[in-house]
C-alpha atoms as a PDB file:
ATOM      1  CA  MET A   1     -12.424 -36.404  -5.641  1.00  0.00           C
ATOM      2  CA  LYS A   2      -9.271 -35.087  -7.342  1.00  0.00           C
ATOM      3  CA  LYS A   3     -10.769 -31.537  -7.399  1.00  0.00           C
ATOM      4  CA  LEU A   4     -11.541 -31.761  -3.679  1.00  0.00           C
ATOM      5  CA  ILE A   5      -7.970 -32.815  -2.896  1.00  0.00           C
ATOM      6  CA  ILE A   6      -6.632 -29.878  -4.974  1.00  0.00           C
ATOM      7  CA  VAL A   7      -8.899 -27.422  -3.153  1.00  0.00           C
ATOM      8  CA  ILE A   8      -7.737 -28.789   0.249  1.00  0.00           C
ATOM      9  CA  ILE A   9      -4.062 -28.458  -0.781  1.00  0.00           C
ATOM     10  CA  LEU A  10      -4.574 -24.882  -1.942  1.00  0.00           C
ATOM     11  CA  ALA A  11      -6.392 -24.012   1.260  1.00  0.00           C
ATOM     12  CA  ILE A  12      -3.572 -25.451   3.374  1.00  0.00           C
ATOM     13  CA  ALA A  13      -0.928 -23.554   1.288  1.00  0.00           C
ATOM     14  CA  SER A  14      -2.868 -20.291   1.671  1.00  0.00           C
ATOM     15  CA  PHE A  15      -3.270 -20.829   5.398  1.00  0.00           C
ATOM     16  CA  SER A  16       0.502 -21.547   5.685  1.00  0.00           C
ATOM     17  CA  CYS A  17       1.342 -18.252   3.973  1.00  0.00           C
ATOM     18  CA  ILE A  18      -0.835 -16.320   6.368  1.00  0.00           C
ATOM     19  CA  LYS A  19       0.597 -18.137   9.394  1.00  0.00           C
ATOM     20  CA  GLU A  20       4.093 -17.238   8.128  1.00  0.00           C
ATOM     21  CA  ASP A  21       3.240 -13.575   8.559  1.00  0.00           C
ATOM     22  CA  GLN A  22       1.750 -14.193  11.999  1.00  0.00           C
ATOM     23  CA  ASP A  23       4.843 -14.051  14.170  1.00  0.00           C
ATOM     24  CA  PRO A  24       3.591 -14.865  17.702  1.00  0.00           C
ATOM     25  CA  GLU A  25       6.438 -12.759  19.132  1.00  0.00           C
ATOM     26  CA  PHE A  26       5.357  -9.839  16.981  1.00  0.00           C
ATOM     27  CA  LEU A  27       1.936  -9.306  18.612  1.00  0.00           C
ATOM     28  CA  PRO A  28       1.214  -7.275  20.526  1.00  0.00           C
ATOM     29  CA  PHE A  29       3.471  -4.960  18.533  1.00  0.00           C
ATOM     30  CA  ASN A  30       5.725  -3.431  21.158  1.00  0.00           C
ATOM     31  CA  GLY A  31       7.897  -1.264  18.979  1.00  0.00           C
ATOM     32  CA  ASN A  32      11.149   0.288  20.182  1.00  0.00           C
ATOM     33  CA  GLY A  33      11.277   3.082  17.660  1.00  0.00           C
ATOM     34  CA  ASN A  34       9.544   4.813  14.703  1.00  0.00           C
ATOM     35  CA  ILE A  35       9.835   5.537  10.992  1.00  0.00           C
ATOM     36  CA  THR A  36       8.950   8.585   8.948  1.00  0.00           C
ATOM     37  CA  ALA A  37       8.960   8.393   5.186  1.00  0.00           C
ATOM     38  CA  PHE A  38       7.022   9.109   2.018  1.00  0.00           C
ATOM     39  CA  LEU A  39       5.058   6.090   0.780  1.00  0.00           C
ATOM     40  CA  ASN A  40       4.270   6.658  -2.933  1.00  0.00           C
ATOM     41  CA  GLY A  41       4.547  10.360  -2.278  1.00  0.00           C
ATOM     42  CA  ALA A  42       2.315  10.472   0.821  1.00  0.00           C
ATOM     43  CA  LYS A  43       3.763  11.103   4.265  1.00  0.00           C
ATOM     44  CA  TRP A  44       3.904   7.864   6.271  1.00  0.00           C
ATOM     45  CA  GLU A  45       4.738   7.261   9.917  1.00  0.00           C
ATOM     46  CA  SER A  46       4.887   3.924  11.699  1.00  0.00           C
ATOM     47  CA  PRO A  47       6.278   2.391  14.896  1.00  0.00           C
ATOM     48  CA  ILE A  48       9.016  -0.108  14.288  1.00  0.00           C
ATOM     49  CA  LYS A  49      10.696  -2.972  16.050  1.00  0.00           C
ATOM     50  CA  PHE A  50      14.471  -3.095  15.536  1.00  0.00           C
ATOM     51  CA  THR A  51      16.118  -6.312  16.740  1.00  0.00           C
ATOM     52  CA  LEU A  52      19.312  -8.334  16.614  1.00  0.00           C
ATOM     53  CA  THR A  53      18.565 -11.441  14.560  1.00  0.00           C
ATOM     54  CA  ASP A  54      21.897 -13.165  14.133  1.00  0.00           C
ATOM     55  CA  SER A  55      25.129 -13.067  16.206  1.00  0.00           C
ATOM     56  CA  LEU A  56      28.252 -14.925  17.183  1.00  0.00           C
ATOM     57  CA  VAL A  57      28.846 -15.646  20.856  1.00  0.00           C
ATOM     58  CA  CYS A  58      32.489 -15.866  21.917  1.00  0.00           C
ATOM     59  CA  ASN A  59      32.706 -18.269  24.823  1.00  0.00           C
ATOM     60  CA  SER A  60      36.331 -17.399  25.486  1.00  0.00           C
ATOM     61  CA  ASN A  61      35.725 -13.745  26.393  1.00  0.00           C
ATOM     62  CA  ARG A  62      31.934 -13.860  26.751  1.00  0.00           C
ATOM     63  CA  ILE A  63      31.022 -11.229  24.158  1.00  0.00           C
ATOM     64  CA  THR A  64      28.354 -11.152  21.478  1.00  0.00           C
ATOM     65  CA  ILE A  65      29.286 -10.112  17.957  1.00  0.00           C
ATOM     66  CA  PRO A  66      26.271  -8.917  15.862  1.00  0.00           C
ATOM     67  CA  GLN A  67      25.915 -10.420  12.409  1.00  0.00           C
ATOM     68  CA  SER A  68      22.608  -8.906  11.260  1.00  0.00           C
ATOM     69  CA  PHE A  69      19.625  -6.812  12.321  1.00  0.00           C
ATOM     70  CA  TYR A  70      15.908  -6.857  11.510  1.00  0.00           C
ATOM     71  CA  LEU A  71      13.616  -3.876  11.098  1.00  0.00           C
ATOM     72  CA  ARG A  72       9.821  -4.349  11.039  1.00  0.00           C
ATOM     73  CA  GLY A  73       7.206  -1.646  10.869  1.00  0.00           C
ATOM     74  CA  LEU A  74       3.431  -1.903  11.366  1.00  0.00           C
ATOM     75  CA  ASP A  75       0.936   0.800  10.548  1.00  0.00           C
ATOM     76  CA  ASP A  76      -2.422  -0.385  11.829  1.00  0.00           C
ATOM     77  CA  THR A  77      -4.180   3.001  11.790  1.00  0.00           C
ATOM     78  CA  GLU A  78      -6.477   2.175   8.836  1.00  0.00           C
ATOM     79  CA  TYR A  79      -8.593  -0.758   7.637  1.00  0.00           C
ATOM     80  CA  ILE A  80      -5.734  -1.975   5.491  1.00  0.00           C
ATOM     81  CA  TRP A  81      -2.641  -2.544   7.682  1.00  0.00           C
ATOM     82  CA  LYS A  82       0.767  -1.731   6.223  1.00  0.00           C
ATOM     83  CA  HIS A  83       3.807  -3.918   7.061  1.00  0.00           C
ATOM     84  CA  LEU A  84       7.425  -3.189   6.195  1.00  0.00           C
ATOM     85  CA  SER A  85       9.913  -5.940   6.798  1.00  0.00           C
ATOM     86  CA  VAL A  86      13.645  -5.583   6.163  1.00  0.00           C
ATOM     87  CA  GLY A  87      16.010  -8.187   7.545  1.00  0.00           C
ATOM     88  CA  TYR A  88      19.675  -9.172   7.289  1.00  0.00           C
ATOM     89  CA  ILE A  89      20.809  -5.567   7.796  1.00  0.00           C
ATOM     90  CA  GLN A  90      24.590  -5.849   8.270  1.00  0.00           C
ATOM     91  CA  PRO A  91      26.521  -4.298  11.182  1.00  0.00           C
ATOM     92  CA  THR A  92      28.039  -1.435   9.272  1.00  0.00           C
ATOM     93  CA  PHE A  93      27.476   2.304   8.812  1.00  0.00           C
ATOM     94  CA  ASP A  94      28.000   1.921   5.059  1.00  0.00           C
ATOM     95  CA  LYS A  95      25.062   2.122   2.628  1.00  0.00           C
ATOM     96  CA  GLN A  96      23.476  -1.246   1.851  1.00  0.00           C
ATOM     97  CA  SER A  97      21.819  -1.514  -1.530  1.00  0.00           C
ATOM     98  CA  ALA A  98      18.613  -3.435  -2.171  1.00  0.00           C
ATOM     99  CA  SER A  99      20.542  -6.145  -4.014  1.00  0.00           C
ATOM    100  CA  PHE A 100      22.969  -6.329  -1.107  1.00  0.00           C
ATOM    101  CA  LEU A 101      20.085  -6.942   1.319  1.00  0.00           C
ATOM    102  CA  ILE A 102      18.736  -9.714  -0.890  1.00  0.00           C
ATOM    103  CA  ARG A 103      22.193 -11.345  -1.154  1.00  0.00           C
ATOM    104  CA  ASN A 104      22.432 -11.268   2.619  1.00  0.00           C
ATOM    105  CA  TYR A 105      19.033 -12.951   2.890  1.00  0.00           C
ATOM    106  CA  LEU A 106      19.976 -15.700   0.397  1.00  0.00           C
ATOM    107  CA  ALA A 107      23.328 -16.267   2.149  1.00  0.00           C
ATOM    108  CA  SER A 108      21.853 -16.486   5.610  1.00  0.00           C
ATOM    109  CA  THR A 109      21.603 -19.809   7.352  1.00  0.00           C
ATOM    110  CA  ASN A 110      19.492 -18.892  10.386  1.00  0.00           C
ATOM    111  CA  GLY A 111      16.137 -18.937   8.568  1.00  0.00           C
ATOM    112  CA  ASN A 112      14.503 -16.825  11.254  1.00  0.00           C
ATOM    113  CA  THR A 113      13.744 -13.773   9.170  1.00  0.00           C
ATOM    114  CA  PRO A 114      11.676 -13.536   5.950  1.00  0.00           C
ATOM    115  CA  ALA A 115      12.967 -11.919   2.804  1.00  0.00           C
ATOM    116  CA  PRO A 116      12.771  -8.122   2.662  1.00  0.00           C
ATOM    117  CA  GLN A 117       9.171  -7.359   1.714  1.00  0.00           C
ATOM    118  CA  TYR A 118       6.197  -5.035   2.039  1.00  0.00           C
ATOM    119  CA  PHE A 119       2.733  -6.468   2.516  1.00  0.00           C
ATOM    120  CA  THR A 120      -0.723  -5.374   3.587  1.00  0.00           C
ATOM    121  CA  SER A 121      -3.384  -7.151   5.573  1.00  0.00           C
ATOM    122  CA  VAL A 122      -6.880  -6.774   6.987  1.00  0.00           C
ATOM    123  CA  SER A 123      -6.150  -6.821  10.664  1.00  0.00           C
ATOM    124  CA  PHE A 124      -3.243  -9.230  11.139  1.00  0.00           C
ATOM    125  CA  ASP A 125      -4.600 -12.569  10.065  1.00  0.00           C
ATOM    126  CA  ALA A 126      -5.834 -11.876   6.542  1.00  0.00           C
ATOM    127  CA  LEU A 127      -3.184 -11.182   3.879  1.00  0.00           C
ATOM    128  CA  SER A 128      -4.234  -8.529   1.395  1.00  0.00           C
ATOM    129  CA  SER A 129      -1.341  -7.771  -0.983  1.00  0.00           C
ATOM    130  CA  ARG A 130       2.325  -8.762  -1.072  1.00  0.00           C
ATOM    131  CA  TYR A 131       5.333  -7.039  -2.575  1.00  0.00           C
ATOM    132  CA  GLU A 132       8.932  -8.115  -3.057  1.00  0.00           C
ATOM    133  CA  LEU A 133      11.965  -5.889  -2.883  1.00  0.00           C
ATOM    134  CA  ASP A 134      12.964  -4.396  -6.251  1.00  0.00           C
ATOM    135  CA  THR A 135      16.707  -4.946  -6.632  1.00  0.00           C
ATOM    136  CA  SER A 136      16.868  -3.232 -10.038  1.00  0.00           C
ATOM    137  CA  LYS A 137      16.089   0.288  -8.787  1.00  0.00           C
ATOM    138  CA  VAL A 138      19.365   2.244  -8.953  1.00  0.00           C
ATOM    139  CA  GLY A 139      20.092   4.292  -5.838  1.00  0.00           C
ATOM    140  CA  ASP A 140      17.846   2.399  -3.440  1.00  0.00           C
ATOM    141  CA  PHE A 141      19.513   1.677  -0.107  1.00  0.00           C
ATOM    142  CA  LEU A 142      19.236   1.267   3.664  1.00  0.00           C
ATOM    143  CA  GLN A 143      21.862   2.760   5.927  1.00  0.00           C
ATOM    144  CA  LEU A 144      22.506   2.744   9.651  1.00  0.00           C
ATOM    145  CA  THR A 145      23.876   6.301  10.028  1.00  0.00           C
ATOM    146  CA  HIS A 146      24.983   6.552  13.661  1.00  0.00           C
ATOM    147  CA  TYR A 147      24.484   5.383  17.208  1.00  0.00           C
ATOM    148  CA  ASP A 148      23.827   7.753  20.096  1.00  0.00           C
ATOM    149  CA  SER A 149      25.414   6.158  23.170  1.00  0.00           C
ATOM    150  CA  LYS A 150      23.800   8.638  25.577  1.00  0.00           C
ATOM    151  CA  LYS A 151      20.256   8.022  24.344  1.00  0.00           C
ATOM    152  CA  LYS A 152      21.092   4.389  23.414  1.00  0.00           C
ATOM    153  CA  GLU A 153      19.426   4.876  20.002  1.00  0.00           C
ATOM    154  CA  ILE A 154      20.312   3.698  16.505  1.00  0.00           C
ATOM    155  CA  TYR A 155      19.505   6.035  13.590  1.00  0.00           C
ATOM    156  CA  GLY A 156      19.094   5.206   9.934  1.00  0.00           C
ATOM    157  CA  GLU A 157      17.896   6.243   6.497  1.00  0.00           C
ATOM    158  CA  PHE A 158      16.434   4.348   3.604  1.00  0.00           C
ATOM    159  CA  GLN A 159      14.934   4.526   0.085  1.00  0.00           C
ATOM    160  CA  LEU A 160      13.400   1.239  -1.032  1.00  0.00           C
ATOM    161  CA  SER A 161      11.030   0.084  -3.770  1.00  0.00           C
ATOM    162  CA  PHE A 162       8.787  -3.001  -3.884  1.00  0.00           C
ATOM    163  CA  ILE A 163       7.050  -4.780  -6.759  1.00  0.00           C
ATOM    164  CA  LEU A 164       3.557  -6.288  -6.443  1.00  0.00           C
ATOM    165  CA  THR A 165       3.514 -10.119  -6.488  1.00  0.00           C
ATOM    166  CA  TYR A 166      -0.003 -10.768  -5.155  1.00  0.00           C
ATOM    167  CA  ARG A 167      -3.105  -8.510  -5.084  1.00  0.00           C
ATOM    168  CA  GLY A 168      -5.848  -9.635  -2.729  1.00  0.00           C
ATOM    169  CA  THR A 169      -9.574  -9.181  -3.260  1.00  0.00           C
ATOM    170  CA  SER A 170      -9.741  -6.888  -0.257  1.00  0.00           C
ATOM    171  CA  GLU A 171      -7.453  -4.405  -2.008  1.00  0.00           C
ATOM    172  CA  PRO A 172      -8.428  -4.445  -5.696  1.00  0.00           C
ATOM    173  CA  ASN A 173      -6.714  -1.074  -6.336  1.00  0.00           C
ATOM    174  CA  ALA A 174      -3.416  -1.987  -4.720  1.00  0.00           C
ATOM    175  CA  PRO A 175      -0.634  -0.205  -6.681  1.00  0.00           C
ATOM    176  CA  ASP A 176       1.778  -2.151  -8.805  1.00  0.00           C
ATOM    177  CA  ARG A 177       4.741  -0.542  -6.978  1.00  0.00           C
ATOM    178  CA  ILE A 178       5.384   0.765  -3.534  1.00  0.00           C
ATOM    179  CA  GLU A 179       8.196   3.323  -3.174  1.00  0.00           C
ATOM    180  CA  PHE A 180       9.544   4.551   0.125  1.00  0.00           C
ATOM    181  CA  THR A 181      11.535   7.799  -0.192  1.00  0.00           C
ATOM    182  CA  GLN A 182      13.209  10.121   2.364  1.00  0.00           C
ATOM    183  CA  GLY A 183      12.867   7.343   4.958  1.00  0.00           C
ATOM    184  CA  LYS A 184      14.337   7.864   8.439  1.00  0.00           C
ATOM    185  CA  PHE A 185      14.160   5.710  11.517  1.00  0.00           C
ATOM    186  CA  VAL A 186      15.331   5.653  15.090  1.00  0.00           C
ATOM    187  CA  ALA A 187      15.080   2.886  17.662  1.00  0.00           C
ATOM    188  CA  LYS A 188      16.236   2.069  21.148  1.00  0.00           C
ATOM    189  CA  ALA A 189      19.018  -0.543  21.174  1.00  0.00           C
ATOM    190  CA  PRO A 190      21.787  -1.648  23.563  1.00  0.00           C
ATOM    191  CA  GLU A 191      25.238  -0.143  22.981  1.00  0.00           C
ATOM    192  CA  GLU A 192      26.986  -3.550  22.641  1.00  0.00           C
ATOM    193  CA  TRP A 193      25.171  -4.149  19.391  1.00  0.00           C
ATOM    194  CA  PHE A 194      27.177  -1.325  17.772  1.00  0.00           C
ATOM    195  CA  GLN A 195      30.684  -1.947  19.091  1.00  0.00           C
ATOM    196  CA  TRP A 196      31.767  -3.612  15.874  1.00  0.00           C
ATOM    197  CA  ASP A 197      35.489  -3.657  16.591  1.00  0.00           C
ATOM    198  CA  LYS A 198      35.090  -6.544  19.063  1.00  0.00           C
ATOM    199  CA  LYS A 199      36.656  -9.881  18.112  1.00  0.00           C
ATOM    200  CA  CYS A 200      36.695 -13.277  19.659  1.00  0.00           C
ATOM    201  CA  ASP A 201      39.622 -14.055  21.934  1.00  0.00           C
ATOM    202  CA  PRO A 202      41.562 -16.816  20.140  1.00  0.00           C
ATOM    203  CA  LYS A 203      42.594 -18.399  23.453  1.00  0.00           C
END
């Protein structure tokens, strides 16, 4: 009886992890931009969704002040789907290191965005392998480089590494590390997200 209870608990936990990755607002994946990078040395391209995830609303002068952004990529062109998830990107054009991104995640209170991660799946409902962001890799970063107000597009660059934390049976040869290099992205976004000099009216 005890063994049965343990099996049931493990099954529920596993299901919960899979459900965590199934964001109902994420499917169908209507991206607003794209990524190009090298994934472990091989050229990789993927549509992305770039969104505002946390903001302050000033009731006095009715403006929204961005606090963080979320970038999510999905490459579903092969049997094993590739997912890149980087949240808590701060509203700045400065470089943001991997450790800085993790600190932002740990300091956040909204709880709407998962920790920066890379994971694979079979279709969208069967987790294959999971990786966590490597904060020890010197030189890794993500940077919003500039905003084009005419095209209403945000541009960025990144170099990020991830360490394997779970290898699924559907991907027995999953590498121990995933390294994105020479990463570039562009996405459509409203101009008010990038007017960072705005402040709440104290009145």
